[in-house]
Protein backbone atom coordinates (compact mmCIF):
# COMPACT_ATOMS: atom_id res chain seq x y z
CA MET A 1 -9.79 208.97 117.82
CA LYS A 2 -6.99 211.48 117.17
CA LYS A 3 -8.49 212.43 113.84
CA LEU A 4 -11.90 212.96 115.44
CA ILE A 5 -10.33 215.20 118.15
CA LEU A 6 -8.57 217.18 115.43
CA THR A 7 -11.79 217.59 113.43
CA LEU A 8 -13.71 218.81 116.52
CA ALA A 9 -10.90 221.25 117.29
CA VAL A 10 -10.96 222.62 113.77
CA THR A 11 -14.72 222.97 113.76
CA ALA A 12 -14.69 224.89 117.02
CA ALA A 13 -11.82 226.99 115.84
CA PHE A 14 -13.80 228.54 112.95
CA ASN A 15 -15.21 231.12 115.31
CA MET A 16 -11.72 232.23 116.41
CA PRO A 17 -9.17 234.47 114.69
CA LEU A 18 -7.05 232.53 112.26
CA ALA A 19 -3.81 232.75 114.27
CA ALA A 20 -5.51 231.58 117.47
CA ALA A 21 -7.28 228.73 115.64
CA ALA A 22 -4.02 227.61 114.07
CA GLU A 23 -2.37 227.49 117.53
CA LEU A 24 -5.19 225.29 118.82
CA GLU A 25 -5.08 222.93 115.87
CA ALA A 26 -1.31 222.54 115.79
CA LYS A 27 -0.74 220.46 118.97
CA PRO A 28 -1.97 217.06 117.79
CA VAL A 29 -0.24 217.50 114.46
CA LEU A 30 3.05 218.38 116.26
CA ASN A 31 2.79 215.40 118.55
CA ASN A 32 2.22 213.05 115.60
CA TYR A 33 5.07 214.62 113.62
CA ALA A 34 7.44 214.24 116.61
CA ALA A 35 6.46 210.55 117.00
CA ILE A 36 7.16 209.95 113.28
CA VAL A 37 10.55 211.76 113.46
CA HIS A 38 11.58 209.62 116.44
CA ALA A 39 10.41 206.43 114.81
CA ASN A 40 12.21 207.14 111.54
CA TYR A 41 15.49 208.02 113.22
CA SER A 42 15.11 204.99 115.47
CA ASP A 43 14.64 202.68 112.44
CA THR A 44 17.63 204.32 110.83
CA LEU A 45 19.75 203.71 113.89
CA SER A 46 18.69 200.04 114.12
CA ALA A 47 19.52 199.58 110.42
CA ALA A 48 22.80 201.36 110.82
CA LYS A 49 23.75 199.08 113.70
CA ALA A 50 22.99 196.09 111.46
CA MET A 51 25.28 197.74 108.92
CA GLN A 52 27.95 198.16 111.60
CA ALA A 53 27.71 194.47 112.40
CA ALA A 54 28.13 193.57 108.74
CA ILE A 55 31.10 195.93 108.38
CA ASP A 56 32.69 194.42 111.50
CA ALA A 57 32.27 190.94 110.04
CA PHE A 58 33.84 192.17 106.75
CA LEU A 59 36.77 193.78 108.51
CA ALA A 60 37.33 190.68 110.69
CA LYS A 61 37.39 188.42 107.61
CA PRO A 62 37.57 190.39 104.32
CA SER A 63 36.12 188.43 101.38
CA ALA A 64 33.88 189.08 98.41
CA GLU A 65 30.96 187.64 100.36
CA THR A 66 31.41 189.69 103.53
CA GLN A 67 32.02 192.80 101.47
CA GLN A 68 28.78 192.31 99.51
CA ALA A 69 26.90 191.75 102.84
CA ALA A 70 28.25 195.04 104.15
CA GLN A 71 27.29 196.83 100.95
CA GLN A 72 23.74 195.43 101.09
CA ALA A 73 23.44 196.52 104.70
CA TRP A 74 24.54 200.05 103.72
CA ARG A 75 21.80 200.13 101.12
CA ALA A 76 19.27 198.81 103.57
CA ALA A 77 20.10 201.52 106.16
CA ARG A 78 19.85 204.21 103.49
CA GLU A 79 16.21 203.17 102.92
CA PHE A 80 15.37 204.69 106.29
CA TYR A 81 17.84 207.54 106.39
CA GLY A 82 16.63 208.89 103.05
CA GLN A 83 13.20 209.54 104.43
CA THR A 84 14.58 211.60 107.35
CA GLU A 85 15.81 214.32 105.02
CA ALA A 86 12.34 215.82 105.39
CA PHE A 87 13.24 216.76 109.00
CA ARG A 88 15.96 219.21 107.97
CA PHE A 89 16.27 222.93 107.01
CA TYR A 90 14.79 224.57 110.10
CA GLY A 91 17.66 224.50 112.61
CA GLY A 92 16.53 221.32 114.40
CA PRO A 93 18.88 218.79 116.02
CA ILE A 94 20.11 217.50 112.67
CA ASP A 95 21.28 220.83 111.29
CA ASP A 96 21.48 223.52 113.94
CA ASP A 97 24.86 225.02 114.70
CA ASN A 98 25.90 221.85 116.58
CA GLY A 99 23.99 219.40 114.41
CA PRO A 100 25.70 216.40 112.81
CA GLU A 101 24.27 216.67 109.30
CA GLY A 102 27.58 217.69 107.82
CA ARG A 103 29.22 214.60 109.34
CA LEU A 104 26.40 212.30 108.32
CA ASN A 105 25.43 213.05 104.74
CA ALA A 106 27.70 215.64 103.20
CA TRP A 107 28.49 215.29 99.47
CA PRO A 108 29.91 215.44 96.84
CA MET A 109 33.08 213.90 98.18
CA ASP A 110 36.65 214.37 97.07
CA GLU A 111 37.68 210.72 97.39
CA ALA A 112 41.38 211.59 97.42
CA TYR A 113 40.88 213.38 100.71
CA VAL A 114 40.35 209.94 102.36
CA ASP A 115 42.08 207.27 100.32
CA SER A 116 44.03 206.41 97.21
CA VAL A 117 42.35 207.05 93.85
CA GLU A 118 43.14 206.18 90.31
CA GLY A 119 46.50 207.83 89.48
CA HIS A 120 47.20 208.81 93.13
CA ALA A 121 48.12 205.74 95.03
CA GLY A 122 49.36 207.58 98.16
CA ALA A 123 46.49 210.04 98.53
CA GLY A 124 44.27 210.52 101.56
CA LEU A 125 44.20 210.38 105.32
CA ILE A 126 44.34 206.57 105.20
CA ASN A 127 47.72 206.59 103.48
CA ASP A 128 49.17 209.31 105.69
CA ARG A 129 50.64 207.24 108.52
CA SER A 130 51.38 210.37 110.54
CA PHE A 131 47.61 210.86 110.92
CA ALA A 132 46.13 209.16 113.91
CA ILE A 133 42.82 207.53 113.01
CA THR A 134 40.51 208.28 115.96
CA LYS A 135 36.92 209.37 116.07
CA GLN A 136 37.87 212.87 117.26
CA ALA A 137 40.69 213.34 114.75
CA VAL A 138 38.58 212.17 111.82
CA ALA A 139 35.58 214.30 112.85
CA GLU A 140 37.83 217.35 113.07
CA ARG A 141 39.10 216.73 109.57
CA ASN A 142 35.59 216.57 108.04
CA GLU A 143 35.20 219.43 105.52
CA ARG A 144 38.42 221.02 106.69
CA GLY A 145 39.76 223.20 103.89
CA GLY A 146 36.72 222.77 101.68
CA GLU A 147 33.20 221.40 101.54
CA GLU A 148 34.32 218.46 99.39
CA ASN A 149 36.89 217.35 101.95
CA ILE A 150 34.46 214.88 103.41
CA ALA A 151 36.00 212.46 105.91
CA THR A 152 32.95 210.96 107.54
CA GLY A 153 29.40 209.81 107.09
CA TRP A 154 27.31 207.73 104.72
CA HIS A 155 29.30 208.60 101.63
CA ALA A 156 32.72 208.04 103.12
CA ILE A 157 31.55 204.60 104.22
CA GLU A 158 30.09 204.06 100.75
CA PHE A 159 33.42 205.01 99.09
CA LEU A 160 35.35 202.61 101.24
CA LEU A 161 32.90 199.76 100.55
CA TRP A 162 32.60 200.31 96.77
CA GLY A 163 35.55 202.43 95.65
CA GLN A 164 35.44 204.91 92.78
CA ASP A 165 32.74 204.32 90.18
CA LYS A 166 34.50 204.03 86.86
CA SER A 167 31.80 201.89 85.21
CA GLU A 168 28.97 203.14 82.97
CA THR A 169 26.82 200.11 83.78
CA GLY A 170 27.39 199.45 87.51
CA PRO A 171 28.80 200.79 90.78
CA GLY A 172 32.34 200.99 92.04
CA ASN A 173 34.31 197.79 92.04
CA ARG A 174 36.72 197.98 94.97
CA SER A 175 38.35 194.69 95.72
CA PHE A 176 38.05 193.18 99.23
CA THR A 177 41.80 192.74 99.01
CA ASP A 178 42.18 196.50 99.74
CA PHE A 179 41.48 195.48 103.37
CA VAL A 180 43.85 192.50 103.49
CA ASP A 181 47.33 192.94 104.97
CA GLY A 182 49.97 192.22 102.35
CA LYS A 183 47.55 192.69 99.43
CA ALA A 184 47.24 196.47 99.51
CA PRO A 185 49.23 199.24 101.12
CA ASN A 186 47.88 200.47 104.45
CA ALA A 187 45.17 197.82 104.61
CA ASP A 188 45.33 197.99 108.40
CA ARG A 189 44.59 201.67 108.36
CA ARG A 190 41.80 201.24 105.84
CA ARG A 191 40.17 198.74 108.18
CA GLN A 192 40.58 201.07 111.07
CA TYR A 193 39.26 204.09 109.19
CA LEU A 194 36.08 202.28 108.08
CA LYS A 195 35.46 201.02 111.61
CA VAL A 196 35.91 204.52 113.12
CA ILE A 197 33.64 206.37 110.70
CA THR A 198 30.95 203.79 111.12
CA GLU A 199 31.12 204.28 114.91
CA LEU A 200 30.88 208.03 114.38
CA LEU A 201 27.76 207.59 112.21
CA ILE A 202 26.17 205.51 114.95
CA ASP A 203 27.03 208.11 117.53
CA ASP A 204 25.44 210.89 115.49
CA LEU A 205 22.23 208.85 114.88
CA GLU A 206 22.00 208.09 118.59
CA TYR A 207 22.18 211.84 119.27
CA LEU A 208 19.18 212.43 116.96
CA VAL A 209 17.13 209.64 118.46
CA LYS A 210 17.77 211.08 121.94
CA ALA A 211 16.78 214.59 120.81
CA TRP A 212 13.40 213.31 119.58
CA ARG A 213 12.79 210.73 122.31
CA PRO A 214 9.41 210.99 124.09
CA GLY A 215 9.07 211.47 127.83
CA SER A 216 11.79 214.09 128.36
CA LYS A 217 10.86 217.61 129.39
CA LEU A 218 14.29 218.97 128.37
CA ASN A 219 15.07 217.61 124.90
CA TYR A 220 14.31 219.23 121.54
CA ARG A 221 11.10 217.25 121.10
CA ALA A 222 9.60 218.75 124.24
CA ARG A 223 10.18 222.26 122.98
CA PHE A 224 9.02 221.50 119.51
CA VAL A 225 5.64 220.03 120.45
CA ASP A 226 4.97 223.11 122.59
CA GLY A 227 6.07 225.43 119.74
CA GLY A 228 2.64 226.03 118.22
CA GLN A 229 2.50 227.91 114.95
CA GLU A 230 6.33 228.38 114.84
CA SER A 231 6.83 224.62 114.88
CA MET A 232 4.15 224.24 112.21
CA ARG A 233 6.12 226.81 110.15
CA LYS A 234 9.25 224.74 110.51
CA ILE A 235 7.45 221.69 109.20
CA PHE A 236 6.40 223.55 106.08
CA VAL A 237 9.89 225.05 105.65
CA ALA A 238 11.38 221.52 105.74
CA MET A 239 8.90 220.09 103.17
CA GLY A 240 9.26 223.08 100.84
CA SER A 241 13.01 223.31 101.11
CA LEU A 242 13.64 219.64 100.40
CA SER A 243 11.15 219.78 97.55
CA ARG A 244 12.68 222.72 95.69
CA GLY A 245 16.12 223.69 96.88
CA GLU A 246 17.66 220.35 97.80
CA LEU A 247 15.99 217.52 95.90
CA ALA A 248 14.83 219.25 92.69
CA GLY A 249 17.80 221.58 92.73
CA GLU A 250 20.99 220.34 94.27
CA ARG A 251 20.38 216.62 93.79
CA LEU A 252 18.61 216.48 90.40
CA GLU A 253 19.00 219.68 88.40
CA VAL A 254 22.75 220.08 89.10
CA ALA A 255 23.53 216.58 87.82
CA LEU A 256 21.05 217.00 84.94
CA ASN A 257 22.82 220.19 83.81
CA SER A 258 26.38 218.94 84.28
CA GLN A 259 25.83 215.39 83.07
CA ASP A 260 28.68 214.55 85.43
CA GLN A 261 28.74 211.42 87.48
CA GLU A 262 30.55 213.29 90.21
CA ASP A 263 27.43 215.30 90.90
CA GLU A 264 25.21 212.36 91.76
CA HIS A 265 24.36 211.87 95.41
CA SER A 266 25.43 208.22 96.00
CA CYS A 267 27.85 207.89 93.13
CA PHE A 268 29.98 205.03 94.36
CA SER A 269 27.10 202.54 94.97
CA ASP A 270 24.78 203.73 92.20
CA ASN A 271 22.11 204.15 94.79
CA THR A 272 21.15 207.71 93.74
CA HIS A 273 17.83 206.64 92.23
CA ARG A 274 16.76 205.40 95.65
CA ASP A 275 17.96 208.60 97.39
CA ALA A 276 15.64 210.60 95.18
CA ALA A 277 12.67 208.29 95.73
CA LEU A 278 13.16 208.16 99.50
CA ASN A 279 13.50 211.89 99.82
CA ALA A 280 10.24 212.35 97.95
CA GLN A 281 8.62 209.68 100.17
CA GLY A 282 9.83 211.55 103.27
CA ILE A 283 7.98 214.65 102.22
CA GLU A 284 4.81 212.71 101.64
CA ASN A 285 5.21 211.00 105.06
CA VAL A 286 5.26 214.39 106.76
CA TRP A 287 2.42 215.89 104.67
CA LEU A 288 0.12 212.92 105.33
CA GLY A 289 1.25 212.37 108.95
CA ARG A 290 2.09 208.71 108.33
CA TYR A 291 5.19 206.47 108.30
CA ARG A 292 5.73 202.80 107.55
CA ARG A 293 8.09 201.38 110.19
CA ALA A 294 10.79 198.82 109.70
CA ASP A 295 8.56 196.11 111.22
CA GLY A 296 5.87 196.89 108.67
CA SER A 297 3.48 198.66 111.02
CA LEU A 298 1.94 201.93 109.83
CA MET A 299 1.95 205.02 112.01
CA GLN A 300 -0.70 207.57 111.05
CA GLY A 301 -2.21 210.51 112.82
CA PRO A 302 -3.14 214.26 112.49
CA SER A 303 -1.24 215.88 109.75
CA PRO A 304 -0.45 219.17 107.99
CA ARG A 305 -2.79 218.01 105.27
CA ASP A 306 -5.66 217.78 107.78
CA LEU A 307 -5.07 221.36 108.93
CA VAL A 308 -4.99 222.66 105.35
CA ALA A 309 -8.07 220.62 104.39
CA ALA A 310 -10.11 222.26 107.21
CA ARG A 311 -9.38 225.62 105.59
CA ASP A 312 -9.23 224.78 101.88
CA ALA A 313 -10.14 221.21 101.00
CA ALA A 314 -9.46 221.73 97.28
CA LEU A 315 -5.94 222.98 97.95
CA ALA A 316 -5.21 220.11 100.35
CA GLU A 317 -6.37 217.64 97.69
CA ARG A 318 -4.30 219.33 94.95
CA THR A 319 -1.22 219.32 97.14
CA SER A 320 -1.67 215.69 98.04
CA ALA A 321 -2.03 214.76 94.37
CA GLN A 322 1.02 216.73 93.42
CA ILE A 323 3.15 215.16 96.17
CA ALA A 324 1.97 211.68 95.10
CA ALA A 325 2.92 212.49 91.54
CA SER A 326 6.42 213.50 92.69
CA VAL A 327 6.87 210.24 94.55
CA ALA A 328 5.76 208.31 91.49
CA ALA A 329 8.08 210.31 89.19
CA ALA A 330 11.01 209.85 91.51
CA ASN A 331 10.39 206.15 91.70
CA ALA A 332 10.49 206.02 87.90
CA ILE A 333 14.10 207.21 87.77
CA GLN A 334 16.22 204.26 86.78
CA ALA A 335 19.63 203.02 87.82
CA PRO A 336 22.35 203.75 87.17
CA PHE A 337 21.59 207.46 87.71
CA ASP A 338 24.79 208.48 85.92
CA ARG A 339 23.32 207.09 82.69
CA GLU A 340 19.93 208.75 83.31
CA ILE A 341 21.47 212.20 83.21
CA VAL A 342 23.38 211.93 79.87
CA GLY A 343 22.23 212.68 76.37
CA GLY A 344 20.02 215.21 74.68
CA LYS A 345 16.80 216.73 76.02
CA ASP A 346 14.76 213.93 74.53
CA ALA A 347 16.85 211.16 76.18
CA PRO A 348 14.36 209.00 78.16
CA GLY A 349 16.38 209.18 81.32
CA ARG A 350 16.76 212.95 81.25
CA GLN A 351 13.00 213.26 80.68
CA ARG A 352 12.30 211.07 83.70
CA ILE A 353 14.49 213.26 85.88
CA GLN A 354 13.07 216.48 84.40
CA LYS A 355 9.52 215.24 85.10
CA THR A 356 10.51 214.71 88.69
CA VAL A 357 12.03 218.11 88.92
CA GLY A 358 8.94 219.79 87.46
CA SER A 359 6.64 217.97 89.84
CA LEU A 360 8.79 218.90 92.85
CA VAL A 361 8.92 222.56 91.83
CA GLN A 362 5.13 222.65 91.53
CA GLN A 363 4.67 220.91 94.88
CA SER A 364 6.92 223.46 96.58
CA LYS A 365 4.56 226.19 95.32
CA ASP A 366 1.54 224.21 96.52
CA LEU A 367 3.14 223.76 99.96
CA VAL A 368 3.69 227.54 100.19
CA ALA A 369 -0.04 228.05 99.38
CA ALA A 370 -0.94 225.38 101.90
CA ALA A 371 1.09 227.07 104.59
CA ASN A 372 -0.58 230.40 103.81
CA ALA A 373 -3.97 228.70 104.16
CA VAL A 374 -3.25 227.92 107.82
CA GLY A 375 -1.93 231.38 108.60
CA ILE A 376 1.78 230.84 107.92
CA THR A 377 2.97 233.65 105.62
CA LYS A 378 6.69 233.89 106.38
CA LEU A 379 8.46 230.95 104.81
CA THR A 380 12.19 231.07 104.11
CA LEU A 381 12.82 228.12 101.87
CA VAL A 382 16.20 226.79 100.73
CA GLN A 383 16.66 227.66 97.12
CA PRO A 384 18.81 225.81 94.51
């Protein structure tokens, strides 16, 4: 029914000026987008709470088994968070001046800012017993003195669960004994630190869910769905910026050029190949107006693609095909990512990543053309 209403609105709108027509067509798309954002953040929060429970179990009884369960729960939660990256880059709740993005997903991380590393046994906030480990204190230390001084978020949790990645064939190999009193210095503080930053992550995700919750007349969602063409512009900015500047640029090209394991997104767990695939999937979710929920149900409704197709069916089809190609290319990147990036230009792994970059660059251009087709001409996209 929603698609029928959208089609009728588009048909009627052909007799109107383009700007007025775009305003009329936007509302059902914005409502569906907001519903998807809320659902994706809600699924992320639920998965993060399951991770928190697994981490609590690990901290209560450190063992190889409880550590592995916590690691798997981290990976499972990232499956949902990775798709939410398509909701960034336009000053929304995640990354406005007060947004938690820098606490949630900042990288690359200077591990020595948080804990001991190879050759520096006393490094980090954990080993500084004069530093009080509280949520407020840790949050205040995040990125203090430099962008790599990351104290919180997914990657700080990842580092504590896996440790530094010194292997060419697998992830970090931190022993559970790092969390056992008498087996490692400051094990008590390491347990406390991991617990606190996990709580902070839950707090930040709850903030995002609340910002996009339906039924409120005062939260960000209420303003967004009434934002007309400006909100549509933000959707295209997010898709285009993640496509080119962030995913193709910062997350793939930088590592491809440096061939340095330190430049991969989830370097401790070797989960970077999934980060890339999930980011690409998030863009496709937004473009097609659909999202597969944690319970397996499929949300689907009016989409940016529908609006573009009403103006230029060939462009909409071409953009859809290009985005699908990017998703497929990203899914073809193999683990471990730090082996994919090394070698000459003809190395199979480097070719897989370069193919993904090329597809993402082209889709960013297609998305700009698609935005133009619905009357959006001022797009400020994040560049690499």
